[in-house]
Amino acid sequence: MNPRRKKRLTIILAISTGVAAVIGLVLYALSQNIDLFYTPGELVLGKGPDKIKPEEGQRLRIGGMVVPGSVKRDSHSLLVAFDLIDASGERVTVTYDGILPDLFREGQGIVAQGNLKDARTVTAFEVLAKHDENYMPPEVADALKGMKHYKPDYTEAQLQGGKP
């Protein structure tokens, strides 16, 4: 083999190896940040046609409705435990140590991010309450007022925080 071709081949192999190593490291870093979303039914019964269940300790997101009457608060700390339910009827307990969002209440849809403690318990480090899909921040409503096809679903008093 010609020395010039040998040198080119060595350079191409080195660059290819470097690119493959960088891609591998990026994929490894991304896999550490993946939080799969589950509903209570998928968490208990398994997700997809293969009924794949998450492993204990796995980081995940779970979403469902807070079961009325299931919220239990510790009187000496911020620890809260509540049950989530979905259309399948399966219940999962979520424990959270912190201040819950203002929109959190029984019968409300929430999404909790945390780690799976056991088959039916999630230890959350973040709880997000879903809000009404008709809500629009006042700044956005003000910006839309000048548009031709804008028709508000609420009055000026509601925008200012008053009652309709």
N, C-alpha and C. Protein backbone atom coordinates (compact mmCIF):
# COMPACT_ATOMS: atom_id res chain seq x y z
N MET A 1 0.84 -1.17 0.00
CA MET A 1 0.00 0.00 0.00
C MET A 1 0.89 1.24 0.00
N ASN A 2 0.46 2.19 -0.74
CA ASN A 2 1.16 3.46 -0.87
C ASN A 2 1.18 4.18 0.48
N PRO A 3 2.33 4.74 0.91
CA PRO A 3 2.41 5.42 2.20
C PRO A 3 1.41 6.59 2.34
N ARG A 4 1.16 7.24 1.24
CA ARG A 4 0.22 8.36 1.27
C ARG A 4 -1.20 7.85 1.56
N ARG A 5 -1.60 6.75 0.94
CA ARG A 5 -2.92 6.15 1.18
C ARG A 5 -3.01 5.61 2.60
N LYS A 6 -1.92 5.05 3.08
CA LYS A 6 -1.88 4.51 4.44
C LYS A 6 -2.10 5.63 5.46
N LYS A 7 -1.50 6.78 5.21
CA LYS A 7 -1.65 7.92 6.11
C LYS A 7 -3.09 8.44 6.09
N ARG A 8 -3.69 8.52 4.89
CA ARG A 8 -5.08 8.95 4.77
C ARG A 8 -6.02 7.99 5.49
N LEU A 9 -5.79 6.70 5.32
CA LEU A 9 -6.62 5.69 5.98
C LEU A 9 -6.51 5.80 7.50
N THR A 10 -5.31 6.04 8.01
CA THR A 10 -5.12 6.20 9.45
C THR A 10 -5.86 7.43 9.97
N ILE A 11 -5.81 8.52 9.23
CA ILE A 11 -6.51 9.74 9.63
C ILE A 11 -8.02 9.52 9.62
N ILE A 12 -8.53 8.88 8.58
CA ILE A 12 -9.98 8.62 8.49
C ILE A 12 -10.42 7.71 9.63
N LEU A 13 -9.65 6.67 9.93
CA LEU A 13 -10.00 5.77 11.04
C LEU A 13 -9.97 6.51 12.39
N ALA A 14 -9.01 7.38 12.58
CA ALA A 14 -8.91 8.13 13.83
C ALA A 14 -10.11 9.08 13.99
N ILE A 15 -10.46 9.77 12.91
CA ILE A 15 -11.62 10.68 12.96
C ILE A 15 -12.90 9.89 13.21
N SER A 16 -13.08 8.75 12.52
CA SER A 16 -14.27 7.91 12.70
C SER A 16 -14.38 7.40 14.13
N THR A 17 -13.25 6.98 14.70
CA THR A 17 -13.24 6.51 16.08
C THR A 17 -13.60 7.65 17.04
N GLY A 18 -13.07 8.82 16.81
CA GLY A 18 -13.38 9.98 17.65
C GLY A 18 -14.84 10.36 17.58
N VAL A 19 -15.41 10.39 16.38
CA VAL A 19 -16.83 10.71 16.21
C VAL A 19 -17.70 9.67 16.90
N ALA A 20 -17.36 8.39 16.75
CA ALA A 20 -18.13 7.33 17.40
C ALA A 20 -18.07 7.46 18.93
N ALA A 21 -16.91 7.81 19.46
CA ALA A 21 -16.77 7.98 20.91
C ALA A 21 -17.60 9.16 21.41
N VAL A 22 -17.59 10.26 20.66
CA VAL A 22 -18.39 11.43 21.05
C VAL A 22 -19.88 11.10 21.01
N ILE A 23 -20.33 10.43 19.97
CA ILE A 23 -21.74 10.04 19.87
C ILE A 23 -22.12 9.11 21.01
N GLY A 24 -21.27 8.16 21.33
CA GLY A 24 -21.53 7.25 22.44
C GLY A 24 -21.65 7.97 23.77
N LEU A 25 -20.76 8.93 24.02
CA LEU A 25 -20.82 9.70 25.27
C LEU A 25 -22.06 10.58 25.35
N VAL A 26 -22.46 11.17 24.24
CA VAL A 26 -23.67 11.99 24.22
C VAL A 26 -24.90 11.13 24.49
N LEU A 27 -24.98 9.98 23.85
CA LEU A 27 -26.13 9.09 24.08
C LEU A 27 -26.16 8.59 25.52
N TYR A 28 -25.02 8.31 26.10
CA TYR A 28 -24.96 7.88 27.50
C TYR A 28 -25.45 9.00 28.42
N ALA A 29 -25.01 10.23 28.16
CA ALA A 29 -25.44 11.37 28.99
C ALA A 29 -26.94 11.61 28.85
N LEU A 30 -27.47 11.48 27.65
CA LEU A 30 -28.91 11.68 27.46
C LEU A 30 -29.72 10.58 28.13
N SER A 31 -29.23 9.37 28.15
CA SER A 31 -29.99 8.27 28.76
C SER A 31 -30.11 8.46 30.27
N GLN A 32 -29.19 9.20 30.88
CA GLN A 32 -29.26 9.46 32.31
C GLN A 32 -30.34 10.49 32.65
N ASN A 33 -30.79 11.26 31.67
CA ASN A 33 -31.77 12.31 31.91
C ASN A 33 -33.16 11.98 31.40
N ILE A 34 -33.39 10.77 30.97
CA ILE A 34 -34.69 10.39 30.45
C ILE A 34 -35.63 10.05 31.60
N ASP A 35 -36.79 10.70 31.63
CA ASP A 35 -37.83 10.41 32.61
C ASP A 35 -39.04 9.92 31.83
N LEU A 36 -39.32 8.64 31.89
CA LEU A 36 -40.45 8.09 31.18
C LEU A 36 -41.74 8.44 31.91
N PHE A 37 -42.81 8.72 31.15
CA PHE A 37 -44.09 9.08 31.73
C PHE A 37 -44.96 7.84 31.87
N TYR A 38 -45.56 7.68 33.03
CA TYR A 38 -46.46 6.57 33.31
C TYR A 38 -47.75 7.09 33.90
N THR A 39 -48.83 6.36 33.68
CA THR A 39 -50.07 6.57 34.41
C THR A 39 -50.10 5.51 35.50
N PRO A 40 -50.95 5.64 36.51
CA PRO A 40 -51.01 4.61 37.55
C PRO A 40 -51.26 3.20 37.00
N GLY A 41 -52.11 3.09 35.99
CA GLY A 41 -52.37 1.78 35.39
C GLY A 41 -51.15 1.20 34.69
N GLU A 42 -50.40 2.05 33.98
CA GLU A 42 -49.20 1.58 33.30
C GLU A 42 -48.11 1.21 34.31
N LEU A 43 -48.06 1.92 35.43
CA LEU A 43 -47.06 1.63 36.44
C LEU A 43 -47.31 0.27 37.08
N VAL A 44 -48.57 -0.04 37.36
CA VAL A 44 -48.91 -1.30 38.04
C VAL A 44 -49.00 -2.47 37.07
N LEU A 45 -49.66 -2.26 35.94
CA LEU A 45 -49.92 -3.35 35.00
C LEU A 45 -48.84 -3.52 33.94
N GLY A 46 -48.06 -2.49 33.70
CA GLY A 46 -47.03 -2.55 32.66
C GLY A 46 -47.41 -1.65 31.50
N LYS A 47 -46.40 -1.20 30.76
CA LYS A 47 -46.59 -0.26 29.66
C LYS A 47 -46.38 -0.96 28.33
N GLY A 48 -47.26 -0.69 27.39
CA GLY A 48 -47.11 -1.22 26.05
C GLY A 48 -47.57 -2.66 25.93
N PRO A 49 -47.43 -3.21 24.72
CA PRO A 49 -47.88 -4.58 24.49
C PRO A 49 -47.05 -5.62 25.25
N ASP A 50 -45.81 -5.27 25.58
CA ASP A 50 -44.94 -6.20 26.31
C ASP A 50 -45.11 -6.10 27.81
N LYS A 51 -45.98 -5.15 28.28
CA LYS A 51 -46.25 -4.95 29.71
C LYS A 51 -44.96 -4.73 30.50
N ILE A 52 -44.16 -3.80 30.03
CA ILE A 52 -42.88 -3.48 30.66
C ILE A 52 -43.14 -2.61 31.88
N LYS A 53 -42.60 -3.03 33.02
CA LYS A 53 -42.75 -2.28 34.26
C LYS A 53 -41.40 -1.64 34.62
N PRO A 54 -41.43 -0.45 35.23
CA PRO A 54 -40.17 0.19 35.63
C PRO A 54 -39.55 -0.54 36.82
N GLU A 55 -38.25 -0.38 36.96
CA GLU A 55 -37.53 -1.01 38.07
C GLU A 55 -37.58 -0.11 39.29
N GLU A 56 -37.48 -0.71 40.47
CA GLU A 56 -37.43 0.08 41.69
C GLU A 56 -36.21 0.99 41.66
N GLY A 57 -36.40 2.24 42.07
CA GLY A 57 -35.32 3.21 42.04
C GLY A 57 -35.24 3.99 40.75
N GLN A 58 -36.00 3.58 39.72
CA GLN A 58 -35.97 4.27 38.43
C GLN A 58 -36.63 5.63 38.55
N ARG A 59 -36.04 6.61 37.88
CA ARG A 59 -36.59 7.96 37.84
C ARG A 59 -37.68 8.00 36.79
N LEU A 60 -38.84 8.59 37.14
CA LEU A 60 -39.97 8.61 36.22
C LEU A 60 -40.89 9.77 36.52
N ARG A 61 -41.86 9.95 35.64
CA ARG A 61 -42.95 10.90 35.83
C ARG A 61 -44.23 10.10 35.86
N ILE A 62 -45.14 10.48 36.75
CA ILE A 62 -46.43 9.82 36.82
C ILE A 62 -47.52 10.87 36.86
N GLY A 63 -48.58 10.62 36.12
CA GLY A 63 -49.68 11.58 36.06
C GLY A 63 -51.01 10.90 36.27
N GLY A 64 -51.90 11.57 36.94
CA GLY A 64 -53.24 11.04 37.19
C GLY A 64 -54.04 12.02 38.01
N MET A 65 -55.20 11.56 38.45
CA MET A 65 -56.10 12.38 39.27
C MET A 65 -55.86 12.06 40.74
N VAL A 66 -55.83 13.09 41.59
CA VAL A 66 -55.68 12.89 43.03
C VAL A 66 -57.01 12.35 43.56
N VAL A 67 -56.95 11.21 44.24
CA VAL A 67 -58.16 10.57 44.76
C VAL A 67 -58.70 11.41 45.92
N PRO A 68 -59.99 11.80 45.86
CA PRO A 68 -60.57 12.57 46.96
C PRO A 68 -60.49 11.79 48.28
N GLY A 69 -60.08 12.47 49.33
CA GLY A 69 -59.97 11.86 50.65
C GLY A 69 -58.68 11.11 50.89
N SER A 70 -57.75 11.14 49.93
CA SER A 70 -56.52 10.35 50.08
C SER A 70 -55.32 11.19 50.55
N VAL A 71 -55.47 12.52 50.60
CA VAL A 71 -54.34 13.38 50.96
C VAL A 71 -54.12 13.31 52.47
N LYS A 72 -52.91 12.88 52.85
CA LYS A 72 -52.54 12.78 54.26
C LYS A 72 -51.29 13.63 54.49
N ARG A 73 -51.38 14.57 55.42
CA ARG A 73 -50.27 15.48 55.71
C ARG A 73 -49.69 15.15 57.08
N ASP A 74 -48.36 15.19 57.18
CA ASP A 74 -47.69 15.01 58.45
C ASP A 74 -47.77 16.33 59.22
N SER A 75 -48.17 16.26 60.48
CA SER A 75 -48.36 17.49 61.26
C SER A 75 -47.05 18.13 61.69
N HIS A 76 -45.93 17.42 61.61
CA HIS A 76 -44.65 17.94 62.08
C HIS A 76 -43.67 18.29 60.96
N SER A 77 -44.05 18.05 59.71
CA SER A 77 -43.16 18.36 58.59
C SER A 77 -44.00 18.67 57.36
N LEU A 78 -43.35 18.86 56.24
CA LEU A 78 -44.04 19.15 54.98
C LEU A 78 -44.38 17.88 54.20
N LEU A 79 -44.17 16.71 54.80
CA LEU A 79 -44.41 15.44 54.12
C LEU A 79 -45.90 15.26 53.83
N VAL A 80 -46.20 14.95 52.57
CA VAL A 80 -47.57 14.73 52.12
C VAL A 80 -47.62 13.42 51.36
N ALA A 81 -48.65 12.64 51.58
CA ALA A 81 -48.88 11.41 50.81
C ALA A 81 -50.28 11.48 50.22
N PHE A 82 -50.42 11.08 48.97
CA PHE A 82 -51.73 11.07 48.32
C PHE A 82 -51.75 9.98 47.28
N ASP A 83 -52.95 9.56 46.90
CA ASP A 83 -53.12 8.51 45.90
C ASP A 83 -53.50 9.12 44.57
N LEU A 84 -52.99 8.51 43.50
CA LEU A 84 -53.36 8.88 42.14
C LEU A 84 -54.13 7.73 41.52
N ILE A 85 -55.05 8.06 40.65
CA ILE A 85 -55.84 7.05 39.95
C ILE A 85 -55.99 7.49 38.50
N ASP A 86 -56.22 6.51 37.61
CA ASP A 86 -56.48 6.83 36.22
C ASP A 86 -57.68 6.02 35.76
N ALA A 87 -57.91 5.97 34.45
CA ALA A 87 -59.08 5.28 33.91
C ALA A 87 -59.06 3.79 34.18
N SER A 88 -57.89 3.19 34.40
CA SER A 88 -57.81 1.76 34.66
C SER A 88 -58.31 1.40 36.06
N GLY A 89 -58.38 2.39 36.95
CA GLY A 89 -58.83 2.14 38.32
C GLY A 89 -57.70 1.77 39.26
N GLU A 90 -56.48 1.66 38.77
CA GLU A 90 -55.34 1.33 39.63
C GLU A 90 -54.94 2.56 40.43
N ARG A 91 -54.53 2.33 41.68
CA ARG A 91 -54.12 3.42 42.57
C ARG A 91 -52.63 3.31 42.85
N VAL A 92 -51.97 4.46 42.87
CA VAL A 92 -50.55 4.55 43.20
C VAL A 92 -50.40 5.64 44.25
N THR A 93 -49.60 5.39 45.27
CA THR A 93 -49.35 6.37 46.32
C THR A 93 -48.12 7.19 45.97
N VAL A 94 -48.24 8.49 46.12
CA VAL A 94 -47.12 9.42 45.89
C VAL A 94 -46.81 10.10 47.21
N THR A 95 -45.55 10.09 47.61
CA THR A 95 -45.13 10.83 48.80
C THR A 95 -44.25 11.98 48.33
N TYR A 96 -44.45 13.13 48.97
CA TYR A 96 -43.73 14.35 48.57
C TYR A 96 -43.38 15.13 49.82
N ASP A 97 -42.15 15.57 49.92
CA ASP A 97 -41.71 16.37 51.05
C ASP A 97 -41.40 17.77 50.55
N GLY A 98 -42.37 18.66 50.69
CA GLY A 98 -42.20 20.02 50.23
C GLY A 98 -43.53 20.73 50.17
N ILE A 99 -43.51 21.93 49.64
CA ILE A 99 -44.72 22.73 49.52
C ILE A 99 -45.40 22.39 48.20
N LEU A 100 -46.67 22.01 48.27
CA LEU A 100 -47.42 21.67 47.07
C LEU A 100 -47.82 22.92 46.32
N PRO A 101 -48.02 22.82 45.00
CA PRO A 101 -48.45 23.98 44.21
C PRO A 101 -49.81 24.50 44.68
N ASP A 102 -50.07 25.77 44.44
CA ASP A 102 -51.35 26.37 44.83
C ASP A 102 -52.55 25.69 44.18
N LEU A 103 -52.39 25.19 42.96
CA LEU A 103 -53.49 24.57 42.24
C LEU A 103 -53.72 23.11 42.64
N PHE A 104 -52.92 22.57 43.53
CA PHE A 104 -53.06 21.18 43.96
C PHE A 104 -54.31 21.05 44.83
N ARG A 105 -55.16 20.09 44.50
CA ARG A 105 -56.33 19.77 45.32
C ARG A 105 -56.84 18.39 44.93
N GLU A 106 -57.69 17.85 45.77
CA GLU A 106 -58.27 16.53 45.51
C GLU A 106 -59.17 16.61 44.29
N GLY A 107 -59.12 15.57 43.46
CA GLY A 107 -59.90 15.54 42.24
C GLY A 107 -59.24 16.26 41.08
N GLN A 108 -58.06 16.82 41.30
CA GLN A 108 -57.32 17.58 40.29
C GLN A 108 -56.28 16.69 39.62
N GLY A 109 -56.02 16.92 38.36
CA GLY A 109 -54.96 16.21 37.65
C GLY A 109 -53.61 16.77 38.02
N ILE A 110 -52.63 15.90 38.27
CA ILE A 110 -51.27 16.33 38.60
C ILE A 110 -50.27 15.47 37.86
N VAL A 111 -49.04 15.96 37.80
CA VAL A 111 -47.90 15.20 37.29
C VAL A 111 -46.82 15.29 38.36
N ALA A 112 -46.31 14.14 38.79
CA ALA A 112 -45.25 14.10 39.80
C ALA A 112 -44.01 13.48 39.18
N GLN A 113 -42.87 14.05 39.49
CA GLN A 113 -41.59 13.53 39.02
C GLN A 113 -40.83 13.03 40.23
N GLY A 114 -40.35 11.78 40.15
CA GLY A 114 -39.64 11.22 41.28
C GLY A 114 -39.07 9.85 40.97
N ASN A 115 -38.84 9.08 42.03
CA ASN A 115 -38.26 7.74 41.91
C ASN A 115 -39.25 6.70 42.39
N LEU A 116 -39.25 5.56 41.72
CA LEU A 116 -40.14 4.46 42.10
C LEU A 116 -39.58 3.77 43.34
N LYS A 117 -40.35 3.80 44.43
CA LYS A 117 -39.92 3.19 45.69
C LYS A 117 -40.24 1.70 45.69
N ASP A 118 -41.48 1.36 45.36
CA ASP A 118 -41.89 -0.03 45.16
C ASP A 118 -42.97 -0.05 44.09
N ALA A 119 -43.62 -1.17 43.88
CA ALA A 119 -44.54 -1.32 42.75
C ALA A 119 -45.68 -0.30 42.75
N ARG A 120 -46.09 0.20 43.91
CA ARG A 120 -47.21 1.13 43.99
C ARG A 120 -46.89 2.42 44.74
N THR A 121 -45.62 2.74 44.92
CA THR A 121 -45.25 3.95 45.65
C THR A 121 -44.16 4.72 44.90
N VAL A 122 -44.39 6.01 44.74
CA VAL A 122 -43.42 6.90 44.10
C VAL A 122 -43.03 7.98 45.11
N THR A 123 -41.74 8.19 45.27
CA THR A 123 -41.23 9.28 46.11
C THR A 123 -40.92 10.44 45.18
N ALA A 124 -41.74 11.48 45.25
CA ALA A 124 -41.63 12.60 44.31
C ALA A 124 -40.70 13.68 44.84
N PHE A 125 -39.99 14.32 43.91
CA PHE A 125 -39.20 15.50 44.27
C PHE A 125 -39.76 16.74 43.58
N GLU A 126 -40.79 16.57 42.76
CA GLU A 126 -41.47 17.69 42.12
C GLU A 126 -42.90 17.30 41.83
N VAL A 127 -43.84 18.18 42.15
CA VAL A 127 -45.26 17.96 41.87
C VAL A 127 -45.77 19.16 41.09
N LEU A 128 -46.38 18.89 39.94
CA LEU A 128 -46.94 19.94 39.09
C LEU A 128 -48.45 19.74 39.00
N ALA A 129 -49.21 20.78 39.28
CA ALA A 129 -50.67 20.70 39.18
C ALA A 129 -51.08 21.23 37.81
N LYS A 130 -51.98 20.52 37.17
CA LYS A 130 -52.48 20.96 35.87
C LYS A 130 -53.48 22.08 36.11
N HIS A 131 -53.48 23.07 35.23
CA HIS A 131 -54.43 24.17 35.37
C HIS A 131 -55.42 24.13 34.23
N ASP A 132 -56.42 24.96 34.35
CA ASP A 132 -57.47 25.04 33.35
C ASP A 132 -56.87 25.43 32.01
N GLU A 133 -57.24 24.71 30.96
CA GLU A 133 -56.66 24.98 29.64
C GLU A 133 -57.17 26.29 29.05
N ASN A 134 -58.19 26.91 29.65
CA ASN A 134 -58.69 28.18 29.14
C ASN A 134 -57.93 29.37 29.72
N TYR A 135 -57.04 29.13 30.66
CA TYR A 135 -56.30 30.23 31.27
C TYR A 135 -55.39 30.90 30.26
N MET A 136 -55.33 32.21 30.33
CA MET A 136 -54.42 32.96 29.47
C MET A 136 -53.81 34.08 30.32
N PRO A 137 -52.49 34.18 30.37
CA PRO A 137 -51.88 35.26 31.14
C PRO A 137 -52.36 36.62 30.63
N PRO A 138 -52.52 37.58 31.54
CA PRO A 138 -53.02 38.90 31.12
C PRO A 138 -52.16 39.54 30.03
N GLU A 139 -50.84 39.34 30.05
CA GLU A 139 -49.98 39.93 29.04
C GLU A 139 -50.31 39.39 27.65
N VAL A 140 -50.59 38.09 27.58
CA VAL A 140 -50.93 37.49 26.29
C VAL A 140 -52.30 37.98 25.83
N ALA A 141 -53.25 38.06 26.77
CA ALA A 141 -54.58 38.56 26.42
C ALA A 141 -54.50 39.99 25.90
N ASP A 142 -53.67 40.84 26.55
CA ASP A 142 -53.50 42.22 26.08
C ASP A 142 -52.89 42.26 24.69
N ALA A 143 -51.93 41.37 24.43
CA ALA A 143 -51.28 41.34 23.12
C ALA A 143 -52.25 40.91 22.02
N LEU A 144 -53.20 40.02 22.36
CA LEU A 144 -54.14 39.51 21.37
C LEU A 144 -55.29 40.46 21.09
N LYS A 145 -55.50 41.45 21.95
CA LYS A 145 -56.64 42.36 21.78
C LYS A 145 -56.61 43.09 20.44
N GLY A 146 -55.43 43.38 19.93
CA GLY A 146 -55.31 44.12 18.68
C GLY A 146 -55.54 43.27 17.45
N MET A 147 -55.63 41.97 17.59
CA MET A 147 -55.81 41.09 16.43
C MET A 147 -57.26 41.13 15.95
N LYS A 148 -57.48 40.92 14.65
CA LYS A 148 -58.82 40.99 14.05
C LYS A 148 -59.75 39.90 14.58
N HIS A 149 -59.26 38.68 14.70
CA HIS A 149 -60.12 37.55 15.01
C HIS A 149 -60.14 37.21 16.50
N TYR A 150 -59.62 38.08 17.34
CA TYR A 150 -59.57 37.82 18.78
C TYR A 150 -60.94 38.05 19.40
N LYS A 151 -61.45 37.05 20.11
CA LYS A 151 -62.71 37.18 20.82
C LYS A 151 -62.48 36.65 22.23
N PRO A 152 -62.44 37.52 23.24
CA PRO A 152 -62.16 37.05 24.60
C PRO A 152 -63.31 36.24 25.17
N ASP A 153 -62.97 35.23 26.00
CA ASP A 153 -63.96 34.40 26.67
C ASP A 153 -64.23 34.91 28.07
N TYR A 154 -63.70 36.08 28.42
CA TYR A 154 -63.85 36.61 29.76
C TYR A 154 -63.91 38.13 29.69
N THR A 155 -64.33 38.72 30.78
CA THR A 155 -64.53 40.16 30.81
C THR A 155 -63.27 40.85 31.31
N GLU A 156 -63.28 42.18 31.24
CA GLU A 156 -62.15 42.98 31.73
C GLU A 156 -61.99 42.80 33.23
N ALA A 157 -63.11 42.63 33.96
CA ALA A 157 -63.03 42.44 35.43
C ALA A 157 -62.28 41.17 35.77
N GLN A 158 -62.48 40.10 34.98
CA GLN A 158 -61.76 38.86 35.22
C GLN A 158 -60.28 39.04 34.96
N LEU A 159 -59.92 39.83 33.97
CA LEU A 159 -58.51 40.07 33.69
C LEU A 159 -57.83 40.81 34.85
N GLN A 160 -58.58 41.67 35.49
CA GLN A 160 -58.02 42.43 36.61
C GLN A 160 -58.08 41.66 37.92
N GLY A 161 -58.57 40.43 37.90
CA GLY A 161 -58.60 39.60 39.11
C GLY A 161 -59.92 39.63 39.83
N GLY A 162 -60.91 40.34 39.28
CA GLY A 162 -62.22 40.41 39.92
C GLY A 162 -63.12 39.28 39.47
N LYS A 163 -64.31 39.25 40.00
CA LYS A 163 -65.29 38.22 39.62
C LYS A 163 -66.07 38.69 38.41
N PRO A 164 -66.60 37.73 37.61
CA PRO A 164 -67.34 38.10 36.39
C PRO A 164 -68.63 38.83 36.69
